[in-house]
């Protein structure tokens, strides 16, 4: 059965053409907008006891003990966070890489994301000097003091001062206004803690 082109109503043909044209215009607008205003990268702040923060701490520790290192290095076909060429030591967060390197002559060191960088010395297969990198990470400061500091307040502020400081901080850190999700969470937790201890 053949369809006579004259049998397709003009309104249907016009609707199809306008629909396809409109879709192309909307797609073009999204492509242009994405290039002009790229989405902010959602990065985990490994504050979160995560890998990025630990990398910073490990880097500081290795510099403090004067050890040469290469970051993001390949050893025995495995990607490792740090490699100490003079000692032939590979430092990794990946247990699989650790066990594969363990079969070679390179000495692997496995670190967890939760391990503070200052404790790397105890895991290294050589003697390391005693160094101090600031406050002891095992001794965390008073959470109430931290809460007031997060809100930019002095300790013992009133409930009204806590509420006002919270409203101001939320405007700065709310993810809907370009802030960071982790920082927003810290501010909310600080508000709860400070409100409980406000005078």
N, C-alpha and C. Protein backbone atom coordinates (compact mmCIF):
# COMPACT_ATOMS: atom_id res chain seq x y z
N UNK A 1 0.85 -1.18 0.00
CA UNK A 1 0.00 0.00 0.00
C UNK A 1 0.89 1.23 0.00
N UNK A 2 0.67 2.10 -0.92
CA UNK A 2 1.44 3.34 -1.01
C UNK A 2 0.66 4.49 -0.42
N UNK A 3 1.48 5.37 0.23
CA UNK A 3 0.84 6.56 0.81
C UNK A 3 1.09 7.72 -0.14
N UNK A 4 0.05 8.34 -0.50
CA UNK A 4 0.13 9.51 -1.38
C UNK A 4 0.64 10.68 -0.57
N UNK A 5 1.76 11.32 -1.01
CA UNK A 5 2.31 12.45 -0.25
C UNK A 5 1.29 13.55 -0.02
N UNK A 6 0.35 13.65 -0.89
CA UNK A 6 -0.66 14.68 -0.74
C UNK A 6 -1.63 14.36 0.38
N UNK A 7 -1.60 13.11 0.88
CA UNK A 7 -2.54 12.71 1.94
C UNK A 7 -2.06 13.13 3.33
N UNK A 8 -0.77 13.46 3.50
CA UNK A 8 -0.27 13.90 4.80
C UNK A 8 -0.72 15.33 5.01
N UNK A 9 -1.45 15.55 6.07
CA UNK A 9 -1.95 16.91 6.29
C UNK A 9 -0.78 17.89 6.49
N UNK A 10 -0.98 19.09 6.05
CA UNK A 10 0.05 20.13 6.14
C UNK A 10 0.42 20.42 7.58
N UNK A 11 -0.56 20.41 8.49
CA UNK A 11 -0.28 20.71 9.89
C UNK A 11 0.63 19.66 10.52
N UNK A 12 0.48 18.38 10.09
CA UNK A 12 1.33 17.31 10.61
C UNK A 12 2.77 17.47 10.14
N UNK A 13 2.93 17.75 8.84
CA UNK A 13 4.27 17.97 8.30
C UNK A 13 4.93 19.17 8.97
N UNK A 14 4.18 20.25 9.15
CA UNK A 14 4.72 21.45 9.80
C UNK A 14 5.10 21.13 11.26
N UNK A 15 4.27 20.35 11.96
CA UNK A 15 4.56 19.98 13.34
C UNK A 15 5.84 19.17 13.47
N UNK A 16 6.05 18.22 12.52
CA UNK A 16 7.27 17.41 12.55
C UNK A 16 8.48 18.29 12.31
N UNK A 17 8.41 19.16 11.32
CA UNK A 17 9.54 20.05 11.00
C UNK A 17 9.84 20.96 12.18
N UNK A 18 8.81 21.56 12.78
CA UNK A 18 9.03 22.46 13.93
C UNK A 18 9.58 21.69 15.14
N UNK A 19 9.09 20.47 15.37
CA UNK A 19 9.58 19.66 16.48
C UNK A 19 11.05 19.31 16.34
N UNK A 20 11.45 18.88 15.14
CA UNK A 20 12.86 18.55 14.89
C UNK A 20 13.71 19.80 15.00
N UNK A 21 13.25 20.90 14.40
CA UNK A 21 14.00 22.16 14.46
C UNK A 21 14.15 22.66 15.90
N UNK A 22 13.07 22.58 16.67
CA UNK A 22 13.12 23.02 18.07
C UNK A 22 14.07 22.17 18.89
N UNK A 23 14.06 20.86 18.66
CA UNK A 23 14.98 19.96 19.37
C UNK A 23 16.42 20.30 19.07
N UNK A 24 16.71 20.60 17.79
CA UNK A 24 18.08 20.96 17.42
C UNK A 24 18.52 22.27 18.08
N UNK A 25 17.60 23.23 18.15
CA UNK A 25 17.93 24.52 18.79
C UNK A 25 18.21 24.31 20.28
N UNK A 26 17.36 23.54 20.96
CA UNK A 26 17.56 23.29 22.40
C UNK A 26 18.87 22.56 22.63
N UNK A 27 19.17 21.56 21.80
CA UNK A 27 20.44 20.83 21.93
C UNK A 27 21.62 21.77 21.75
N UNK A 28 21.53 22.66 20.77
CA UNK A 28 22.62 23.62 20.52
C UNK A 28 22.80 24.55 21.72
N UNK A 29 21.69 24.99 22.32
CA UNK A 29 21.77 25.87 23.49
C UNK A 29 22.48 25.14 24.65
N UNK A 30 22.16 23.88 24.87
CA UNK A 30 22.81 23.12 25.94
C UNK A 30 24.30 22.95 25.68
N UNK A 31 24.68 22.68 24.44
CA UNK A 31 26.10 22.51 24.11
C UNK A 31 26.85 23.81 24.34
N UNK A 32 26.29 24.92 23.88
CA UNK A 32 26.95 26.22 24.05
C UNK A 32 27.03 26.57 25.53
N UNK A 33 25.94 26.37 26.26
CA UNK A 33 25.94 26.70 27.70
C UNK A 33 26.95 25.84 28.45
N UNK A 34 27.08 24.58 28.08
CA UNK A 34 28.03 23.70 28.76
C UNK A 34 29.47 24.16 28.52
N UNK A 35 29.72 24.68 27.33
CA UNK A 35 31.08 25.16 27.05
C UNK A 35 31.36 26.50 27.71
N UNK A 36 30.35 27.37 27.77
CA UNK A 36 30.55 28.68 28.38
C UNK A 36 30.54 28.61 29.91
N UNK A 37 29.70 27.74 30.45
CA UNK A 37 29.55 27.61 31.90
C UNK A 37 29.70 26.15 32.30
N UNK A 38 30.92 25.63 32.29
CA UNK A 38 31.09 24.21 32.64
C UNK A 38 30.66 23.95 34.07
N UNK A 39 30.14 22.76 34.27
CA UNK A 39 29.69 22.37 35.61
C UNK A 39 30.89 22.30 36.54
N UNK A 40 30.69 22.74 37.77
CA UNK A 40 31.75 22.66 38.76
C UNK A 40 32.05 21.21 39.05
N UNK A 41 33.32 20.86 39.11
CA UNK A 41 33.71 19.48 39.40
C UNK A 41 33.27 19.12 40.81
N UNK A 42 32.57 18.03 40.93
CA UNK A 42 32.21 17.53 42.25
C UNK A 42 33.39 16.70 42.75
N UNK A 43 34.19 17.26 43.60
CA UNK A 43 35.35 16.52 44.10
C UNK A 43 35.12 16.17 45.55
N UNK A 44 35.52 15.01 45.90
CA UNK A 44 35.45 14.60 47.29
C UNK A 44 36.62 15.25 47.98
N UNK A 45 36.36 15.90 49.06
CA UNK A 45 37.44 16.45 49.81
C UNK A 45 37.81 15.40 50.76
N UNK A 46 38.60 14.72 50.45
CA UNK A 46 38.87 13.57 51.19
C UNK A 46 39.18 14.02 52.61
N UNK A 47 38.31 14.96 53.26
CA UNK A 47 38.18 15.43 54.62
C UNK A 47 37.24 14.70 55.29
N UNK A 48 37.46 14.23 55.25
CA UNK A 48 36.90 13.10 54.77
C UNK A 48 37.95 12.09 54.85
N UNK A 49 38.92 12.03 55.59
CA UNK A 49 39.90 10.98 55.73
C UNK A 49 40.25 10.34 54.43
N UNK A 50 40.17 11.03 53.34
CA UNK A 50 40.39 10.38 52.06
C UNK A 50 41.78 10.52 51.51
N UNK A 51 41.92 9.99 50.32
CA UNK A 51 43.24 9.85 49.71
C UNK A 51 43.92 11.18 49.44
N UNK A 52 43.20 12.18 48.95
CA UNK A 52 43.87 13.44 48.59
C UNK A 52 44.49 14.11 49.80
N UNK A 53 43.74 14.15 50.91
CA UNK A 53 44.29 14.76 52.12
C UNK A 53 45.48 13.95 52.62
N UNK A 54 45.40 12.64 52.53
CA UNK A 54 46.52 11.81 52.98
C UNK A 54 47.74 12.01 52.09
N UNK A 55 47.52 12.19 50.80
CA UNK A 55 48.64 12.46 49.90
C UNK A 55 49.38 13.72 50.33
N UNK A 56 48.62 14.75 50.68
CA UNK A 56 49.24 16.00 51.13
C UNK A 56 50.08 15.74 52.39
N UNK A 57 49.50 14.99 53.33
CA UNK A 57 50.22 14.70 54.58
C UNK A 57 51.46 13.84 54.33
N UNK A 58 51.33 12.85 53.45
CA UNK A 58 52.49 11.99 53.15
C UNK A 58 53.59 12.81 52.47
N UNK A 59 53.18 13.69 51.56
CA UNK A 59 54.14 14.55 50.87
C UNK A 59 54.88 15.42 51.89
N UNK A 60 54.13 16.02 52.83
CA UNK A 60 54.76 16.87 53.85
C UNK A 60 55.72 16.05 54.72
N UNK A 61 55.32 14.83 55.05
CA UNK A 61 56.18 14.00 55.88
C UNK A 61 57.47 13.64 55.14
N UNK A 62 57.35 13.23 53.89
CA UNK A 62 58.53 12.85 53.11
C UNK A 62 59.47 14.05 52.94
N UNK A 63 58.90 15.23 52.76
CA UNK A 63 59.74 16.43 52.66
C UNK A 63 60.41 16.73 54.00
N UNK A 64 59.67 16.54 55.09
CA UNK A 64 60.22 16.82 56.42
C UNK A 64 61.39 15.90 56.76
N UNK A 65 61.36 14.65 56.29
CA UNK A 65 62.47 13.74 56.59
C UNK A 65 63.54 13.80 55.49
N UNK A 66 63.34 14.66 54.50
CA UNK A 66 64.35 14.85 53.45
C UNK A 66 64.46 13.69 52.48
N UNK A 67 63.37 12.99 52.25
CA UNK A 67 63.40 11.82 51.37
C UNK A 67 62.94 12.22 49.97
N UNK A 68 63.74 11.85 48.96
CA UNK A 68 63.34 12.10 47.57
C UNK A 68 62.22 11.13 47.19
N UNK A 69 61.26 11.63 46.40
CA UNK A 69 60.15 10.78 46.01
C UNK A 69 59.61 11.20 44.64
N UNK A 70 58.91 10.29 44.02
CA UNK A 70 58.18 10.57 42.78
C UNK A 70 56.73 10.23 43.05
N UNK A 71 55.83 11.12 42.64
CA UNK A 71 54.40 10.87 42.85
C UNK A 71 53.79 10.22 41.63
N UNK A 72 52.73 9.46 41.87
CA UNK A 72 51.97 8.81 40.79
C UNK A 72 52.91 8.07 39.85
N UNK A 73 53.65 7.18 40.39
CA UNK A 73 54.70 6.47 39.67
C UNK A 73 54.26 5.03 39.38
N UNK A 74 54.82 4.45 38.31
CA UNK A 74 54.55 3.05 38.01
C UNK A 74 55.73 2.21 38.49
N UNK A 75 55.42 1.18 39.27
CA UNK A 75 56.42 0.26 39.80
C UNK A 75 55.92 -1.15 39.54
N UNK A 76 56.73 -1.94 38.86
CA UNK A 76 56.35 -3.32 38.57
C UNK A 76 54.97 -3.39 37.90
N UNK A 77 54.70 -2.41 37.04
CA UNK A 77 53.43 -2.39 36.32
C UNK A 77 52.26 -1.91 37.16
N UNK A 78 52.52 -1.45 38.37
CA UNK A 78 51.46 -0.99 39.28
C UNK A 78 51.59 0.51 39.51
N UNK A 79 50.48 1.18 39.56
CA UNK A 79 50.45 2.61 39.83
C UNK A 79 50.51 2.81 41.34
N UNK A 80 51.50 3.57 41.83
CA UNK A 80 51.62 3.82 43.27
C UNK A 80 51.58 5.31 43.54
N UNK A 81 51.17 5.67 44.76
CA UNK A 81 51.07 7.08 45.13
C UNK A 81 52.44 7.74 45.20
N UNK A 82 53.40 7.08 45.84
CA UNK A 82 54.76 7.62 45.99
C UNK A 82 55.77 6.51 45.78
N UNK A 83 56.89 6.88 45.16
CA UNK A 83 57.99 5.94 45.00
C UNK A 83 59.26 6.63 45.48
N UNK A 84 60.01 5.94 46.34
CA UNK A 84 61.26 6.47 46.87
C UNK A 84 62.40 5.79 46.12
N UNK A 85 62.96 6.45 45.09
CA UNK A 85 63.93 5.79 44.23
C UNK A 85 65.21 5.36 44.93
N UNK A 86 65.71 6.15 45.86
CA UNK A 86 66.96 5.79 46.54
C UNK A 86 66.79 4.56 47.41
N UNK A 87 65.60 4.34 47.91
CA UNK A 87 65.33 3.22 48.81
C UNK A 87 64.62 2.06 48.12
N UNK A 88 64.15 2.29 46.89
CA UNK A 88 63.35 1.31 46.14
C UNK A 88 62.13 0.89 46.97
N UNK A 89 61.39 1.91 47.43
CA UNK A 89 60.19 1.69 48.24
C UNK A 89 59.01 2.30 47.52
N UNK A 90 57.91 1.53 47.42
CA UNK A 90 56.68 2.00 46.79
C UNK A 90 55.61 2.16 47.87
N UNK A 91 54.98 3.33 47.92
CA UNK A 91 53.92 3.61 48.89
C UNK A 91 52.61 3.67 48.13
N UNK A 92 51.66 2.84 48.55
CA UNK A 92 50.39 2.76 47.81
C UNK A 92 49.20 2.70 48.75
N UNK A 93 48.04 3.13 48.24
CA UNK A 93 46.77 3.00 48.95
C UNK A 93 46.03 1.74 48.49
N UNK A 94 46.52 1.11 47.43
CA UNK A 94 45.84 -0.01 46.78
C UNK A 94 46.43 -1.35 47.25
N UNK A 95 45.61 -2.14 47.92
CA UNK A 95 46.08 -3.43 48.45
C UNK A 95 46.51 -4.38 47.34
N UNK A 96 45.81 -4.36 46.21
CA UNK A 96 46.18 -5.26 45.10
C UNK A 96 47.57 -4.90 44.57
N UNK A 97 47.82 -3.60 44.42
CA UNK A 97 49.15 -3.17 43.96
C UNK A 97 50.21 -3.59 44.98
N UNK A 98 49.88 -3.44 46.26
CA UNK A 98 50.82 -3.83 47.32
C UNK A 98 51.23 -5.30 47.17
N UNK A 99 50.26 -6.19 47.03
CA UNK A 99 50.56 -7.62 46.94
C UNK A 99 51.28 -7.99 45.64
N UNK A 100 51.02 -7.27 44.57
CA UNK A 100 51.73 -7.55 43.32
C UNK A 100 53.18 -7.09 43.41
N UNK A 101 53.40 -5.93 44.02
CA UNK A 101 54.77 -5.40 44.15
C UNK A 101 55.55 -6.23 45.16
N UNK A 102 54.88 -6.78 46.13
CA UNK A 102 55.53 -7.55 47.19
C UNK A 102 56.34 -8.72 46.61
N UNK A 103 55.94 -9.22 45.45
CA UNK A 103 56.65 -10.34 44.83
C UNK A 103 57.95 -9.90 44.15
N UNK A 104 58.18 -8.59 44.04
CA UNK A 104 59.39 -8.09 43.39
C UNK A 104 60.42 -7.70 44.45
N UNK A 105 61.53 -7.13 44.00
CA UNK A 105 62.54 -6.71 44.98
C UNK A 105 62.22 -5.34 45.58
N UNK A 106 61.28 -4.60 44.97
CA UNK A 106 60.84 -3.32 45.54
C UNK A 106 60.06 -3.59 46.82
N UNK A 107 60.31 -2.76 47.83
CA UNK A 107 59.62 -2.92 49.11
C UNK A 107 58.33 -2.08 49.09
N UNK A 108 57.16 -2.73 49.15
CA UNK A 108 55.91 -1.97 49.15
C UNK A 108 55.49 -1.57 50.56
N UNK A 109 54.80 -0.44 50.66
CA UNK A 109 54.24 0.01 51.93
C UNK A 109 52.79 0.35 51.64
N UNK A 110 51.89 -0.28 52.38
CA UNK A 110 50.46 -0.04 52.21
C UNK A 110 49.99 0.95 53.28
N UNK A 111 49.32 2.01 52.85
CA UNK A 111 48.77 2.98 53.80
C UNK A 111 47.26 3.07 53.59
N UNK A 112 46.55 3.22 54.68
CA UNK A 112 45.10 3.37 54.61
C UNK A 112 44.76 4.84 54.48
N UNK A 113 43.58 5.11 53.96
CA UNK A 113 43.14 6.50 53.81
C UNK A 113 42.97 7.18 55.17
N UNK A 114 42.74 6.39 56.20
CA UNK A 114 42.51 6.95 57.54
C UNK A 114 43.81 7.23 58.30
N UNK A 115 44.93 6.71 57.82
CA UNK A 115 46.18 6.84 58.56
C UNK A 115 46.79 8.24 58.37
N UNK A 116 46.98 8.99 59.47
CA UNK A 116 47.63 10.30 59.34
C UNK A 116 49.04 10.14 58.77
N UNK A 117 49.43 11.09 57.95
CA UNK A 117 50.72 11.03 57.26
C UNK A 117 51.92 10.92 58.16
N UNK A 118 51.83 11.48 59.37
CA UNK A 118 52.96 11.46 60.30
C UNK A 118 53.31 10.04 60.72
N UNK A 119 52.37 9.11 60.59
CA UNK A 119 52.60 7.73 61.01
C UNK A 119 53.26 6.88 59.92
N UNK A 120 53.56 7.49 58.78
CA UNK A 120 54.21 6.75 57.71
C UNK A 120 55.57 6.22 58.15
N UNK A 121 56.29 7.00 58.96
CA UNK A 121 57.63 6.60 59.40
C UNK A 121 57.67 5.24 60.05
N UNK A 122 56.62 4.89 60.79
CA UNK A 122 56.58 3.59 61.46
C UNK A 122 56.43 2.44 60.47
N UNK A 123 55.95 2.73 59.27
CA UNK A 123 55.74 1.68 58.27
C UNK A 123 56.91 1.55 57.29
N UNK A 124 57.71 2.59 57.18
CA UNK A 124 58.80 2.54 56.21
C UNK A 124 59.84 1.52 56.64
N UNK A 125 60.42 0.81 55.68
CA UNK A 125 61.38 -0.26 56.01
C UNK A 125 62.81 0.27 56.25
N UNK A 126 62.91 1.49 56.73
CA UNK A 126 64.21 2.05 57.08
C UNK A 126 64.02 3.03 58.22
N UNK A 127 65.12 3.38 58.88
CA UNK A 127 65.10 4.29 60.02
C UNK A 127 64.73 5.69 59.54
N UNK A 128 63.82 6.34 60.25
CA UNK A 128 63.43 7.71 59.90
C UNK A 128 63.65 8.62 61.09
N UNK A 129 64.01 9.87 60.85
CA UNK A 129 64.20 10.80 61.96
C UNK A 129 62.86 11.21 62.57
N UNK A 130 62.89 11.63 63.82
CA UNK A 130 61.70 12.15 64.48
C UNK A 130 61.41 13.54 63.92
N UNK A 131 60.20 13.76 63.49
CA UNK A 131 59.80 15.08 62.99
C UNK A 131 58.47 15.46 63.61
N UNK A 132 58.22 16.76 63.64
CA UNK A 132 56.94 17.27 64.13
C UNK A 132 56.29 18.05 63.01
N UNK A 133 55.08 17.70 62.69
CA UNK A 133 54.35 18.40 61.63
C UNK A 133 53.15 19.14 62.19
N UNK A 134 53.29 19.77 63.33
CA UNK A 134 52.18 20.50 63.92
C UNK A 134 51.54 19.69 65.03
N UNK A 135 50.28 19.97 65.29
CA UNK A 135 49.61 19.29 66.41
C UNK A 135 49.49 17.79 66.16
N UNK A 136 49.48 17.04 67.23
CA UNK A 136 49.35 15.59 67.15
C UNK A 136 47.99 15.23 66.58
N UNK A 137 47.94 14.51 65.44
CA UNK A 137 46.66 14.20 64.83
C UNK A 137 45.81 13.26 65.69
N UNK A 138 46.44 12.58 66.65
CA UNK A 138 45.66 11.69 67.52
C UNK A 138 44.88 12.48 68.57
N UNK A 139 45.38 13.69 68.90
CA UNK A 139 44.71 14.51 69.89
C UNK A 139 43.89 15.57 69.18
N UNK A 140 42.63 15.35 69.07
CA UNK A 140 41.81 16.33 68.37
C UNK A 140 41.36 17.40 69.36
N UNK A 141 41.26 18.65 68.89
CA UNK A 141 40.85 19.73 69.79
C UNK A 141 39.39 19.55 70.23
N UNK A 142 39.02 20.29 71.24
CA UNK A 142 37.67 20.24 71.78
C UNK A 142 36.66 20.55 70.67
N UNK A 143 35.66 19.68 70.46
CA UNK A 143 34.69 19.90 69.38
C UNK A 143 33.90 21.19 69.54
N UNK A 144 33.66 21.60 70.78
CA UNK A 144 32.93 22.85 71.00
C UNK A 144 33.76 24.04 70.52
N UNK A 145 35.04 24.02 70.83
CA UNK A 145 35.94 25.09 70.38
C UNK A 145 35.99 25.12 68.86
N UNK A 146 36.07 23.93 68.26
CA UNK A 146 36.09 23.85 66.79
C UNK A 146 34.79 24.39 66.20
N UNK A 147 33.66 24.10 66.84
CA UNK A 147 32.36 24.54 66.34
C UNK A 147 32.29 26.07 66.34
N UNK A 148 32.70 26.69 67.44
CA UNK A 148 32.69 28.15 67.49
C UNK A 148 33.63 28.73 66.42
N UNK A 149 34.80 28.13 66.27
CA UNK A 149 35.76 28.62 65.28
C UNK A 149 35.21 28.49 63.86
N UNK A 150 34.52 27.39 63.58
CA UNK A 150 33.94 27.18 62.24
C UNK A 150 32.93 28.27 61.91
N UNK A 151 32.22 28.75 62.92
CA UNK A 151 31.22 29.80 62.71
C UNK A 151 31.83 31.20 62.85
N UNK A 152 33.11 31.27 63.19
CA UNK A 152 33.77 32.57 63.34
C UNK A 152 33.37 33.29 64.62
N UNK A 153 33.08 32.53 65.65
CA UNK A 153 32.63 33.12 66.91
C UNK A 153 33.63 32.88 68.04
N UNK A 154 33.54 33.69 69.07
CA UNK A 154 34.31 33.45 70.27
C UNK A 154 33.54 32.43 71.11
N UNK A 155 34.26 31.71 71.93
CA UNK A 155 33.62 30.71 72.77
C UNK A 155 32.70 31.40 73.76
N UNK A 156 31.53 30.83 73.99
CA UNK A 156 30.58 31.41 74.93
C UNK A 156 29.65 32.42 74.29
N UNK A 157 29.55 32.44 72.96
CA UNK A 157 28.65 33.36 72.28
C UNK A 157 27.20 33.01 72.62
N UNK A 158 26.31 33.99 72.47
CA UNK A 158 24.90 33.77 72.78
C UNK A 158 24.23 32.97 71.67
N UNK A 159 23.03 32.46 71.97
CA UNK A 159 22.27 31.70 70.98
C UNK A 159 21.98 32.57 69.75
N UNK A 160 21.64 33.85 69.98
CA UNK A 160 21.35 34.75 68.85
C UNK A 160 22.59 34.97 67.99
N UNK A 161 23.75 35.11 68.63
CA UNK A 161 24.99 35.27 67.87
C UNK A 161 25.30 34.02 67.06
N UNK A 162 25.04 32.85 67.64
CA UNK A 162 25.27 31.58 66.93
C UNK A 162 24.36 31.49 65.72
N UNK A 163 23.07 31.82 65.90
CA UNK A 163 22.11 31.77 64.79
C UNK A 163 22.51 32.74 63.67
N UNK A 164 22.89 33.94 64.05
CA UNK A 164 23.28 34.95 63.06
C UNK A 164 24.53 34.51 62.30
N UNK A 165 25.52 34.01 63.03
CA UNK A 165 26.76 33.56 62.38
C UNK A 165 26.47 32.38 61.46
N UNK A 166 25.58 31.49 61.88
CA UNK A 166 25.21 30.34 61.04
C UNK A 166 24.56 30.80 59.74
N UNK A 167 23.61 31.73 59.84
CA UNK A 167 22.94 32.23 58.63
C UNK A 167 23.96 32.83 57.65
N UNK A 168 24.92 33.58 58.17
CA UNK A 168 25.94 34.20 57.31
C UNK A 168 26.83 33.14 56.66
N UNK A 169 27.26 32.15 57.46
CA UNK A 169 28.15 31.11 56.92
C UNK A 169 27.43 30.25 55.88
N UNK A 170 26.15 29.96 56.11
CA UNK A 170 25.40 29.13 55.17
C UNK A 170 25.31 29.82 53.81
N UNK A 171 25.16 31.13 53.81
CA UNK A 171 25.11 31.86 52.53
C UNK A 171 26.40 31.68 51.75
N UNK A 172 27.52 31.57 52.47
CA UNK A 172 28.83 31.43 51.81
C UNK A 172 29.08 30.01 51.30
N UNK A 173 28.62 29.00 52.05
CA UNK A 173 29.04 27.63 51.75
C UNK A 173 27.96 26.73 51.17
N UNK A 174 26.74 27.22 51.05
CA UNK A 174 25.65 26.36 50.56
C UNK A 174 25.94 25.90 49.13
N UNK A 175 25.81 24.61 48.84
CA UNK A 175 26.10 24.09 47.49
C UNK A 175 25.26 24.76 46.39
N UNK A 176 24.05 25.21 46.72
CA UNK A 176 23.22 25.88 45.71
C UNK A 176 23.76 27.25 45.33
N UNK A 177 24.67 27.78 46.15
CA UNK A 177 25.27 29.09 45.88
C UNK A 177 26.76 28.96 45.54
N UNK A 178 27.14 27.80 45.04
CA UNK A 178 28.53 27.60 44.62
C UNK A 178 29.45 27.10 45.72
N UNK A 179 28.89 26.77 46.88
CA UNK A 179 29.72 26.28 47.99
C UNK A 179 30.01 24.80 47.86
N UNK A 180 30.69 24.31 48.87
CA UNK A 180 31.14 22.91 48.88
C UNK A 180 30.27 22.10 49.83
N UNK A 181 29.85 20.92 49.41
CA UNK A 181 28.97 20.05 50.20
C UNK A 181 29.59 19.69 51.55
N UNK A 182 30.88 19.35 51.56
CA UNK A 182 31.54 18.97 52.81
C UNK A 182 31.62 20.15 53.78
N UNK A 183 31.94 21.32 53.25
CA UNK A 183 32.04 22.49 54.11
C UNK A 183 30.65 22.85 54.67
N UNK A 184 29.64 22.73 53.84
CA UNK A 184 28.26 22.99 54.27
C UNK A 184 27.88 22.05 55.42
N UNK A 185 28.26 20.79 55.29
CA UNK A 185 27.97 19.81 56.33
C UNK A 185 28.69 20.18 57.63
N UNK A 186 29.97 20.61 57.51
CA UNK A 186 30.72 21.02 58.71
C UNK A 186 30.06 22.21 59.40
N UNK A 187 29.56 23.16 58.61
CA UNK A 187 28.92 24.34 59.18
C UNK A 187 27.64 23.94 59.91
N UNK A 188 26.85 23.04 59.32
CA UNK A 188 25.62 22.59 59.99
C UNK A 188 25.95 21.88 61.30
N UNK A 189 26.97 21.02 61.27
CA UNK A 189 27.35 20.31 62.50
C UNK A 189 27.87 21.29 63.56
N UNK A 190 28.63 22.28 63.10
CA UNK A 190 29.15 23.29 64.03
C UNK A 190 28.01 24.08 64.65
N UNK A 191 27.01 24.40 63.86
CA UNK A 191 25.84 25.13 64.37
C UNK A 191 25.13 24.34 65.46
N UNK A 192 24.91 23.04 65.19
CA UNK A 192 24.24 22.20 66.19
C UNK A 192 25.03 22.16 67.48
N UNK A 193 26.35 21.97 67.37
CA UNK A 193 27.20 21.90 68.56
C UNK A 193 27.24 23.24 69.30
N UNK A 194 27.44 24.34 68.56
CA UNK A 194 27.55 25.65 69.20
C UNK A 194 26.23 26.06 69.86
N UNK A 195 25.12 25.74 69.22
CA UNK A 195 23.81 26.09 69.77
C UNK A 195 23.58 25.38 71.11
N UNK A 196 24.03 24.14 71.21
CA UNK A 196 23.86 23.38 72.45
C UNK A 196 24.68 23.97 73.59
N UNK A 197 25.81 24.62 73.27
CA UNK A 197 26.70 25.13 74.30
C UNK A 197 26.67 26.66 74.40
N UNK A 198 25.75 27.30 73.66
CA UNK A 198 25.67 28.76 73.69
C UNK A 198 25.13 29.23 75.03
N UNK A 199 25.54 30.44 75.42
CA UNK A 199 25.11 30.97 76.71
C UNK A 199 23.81 31.75 76.57
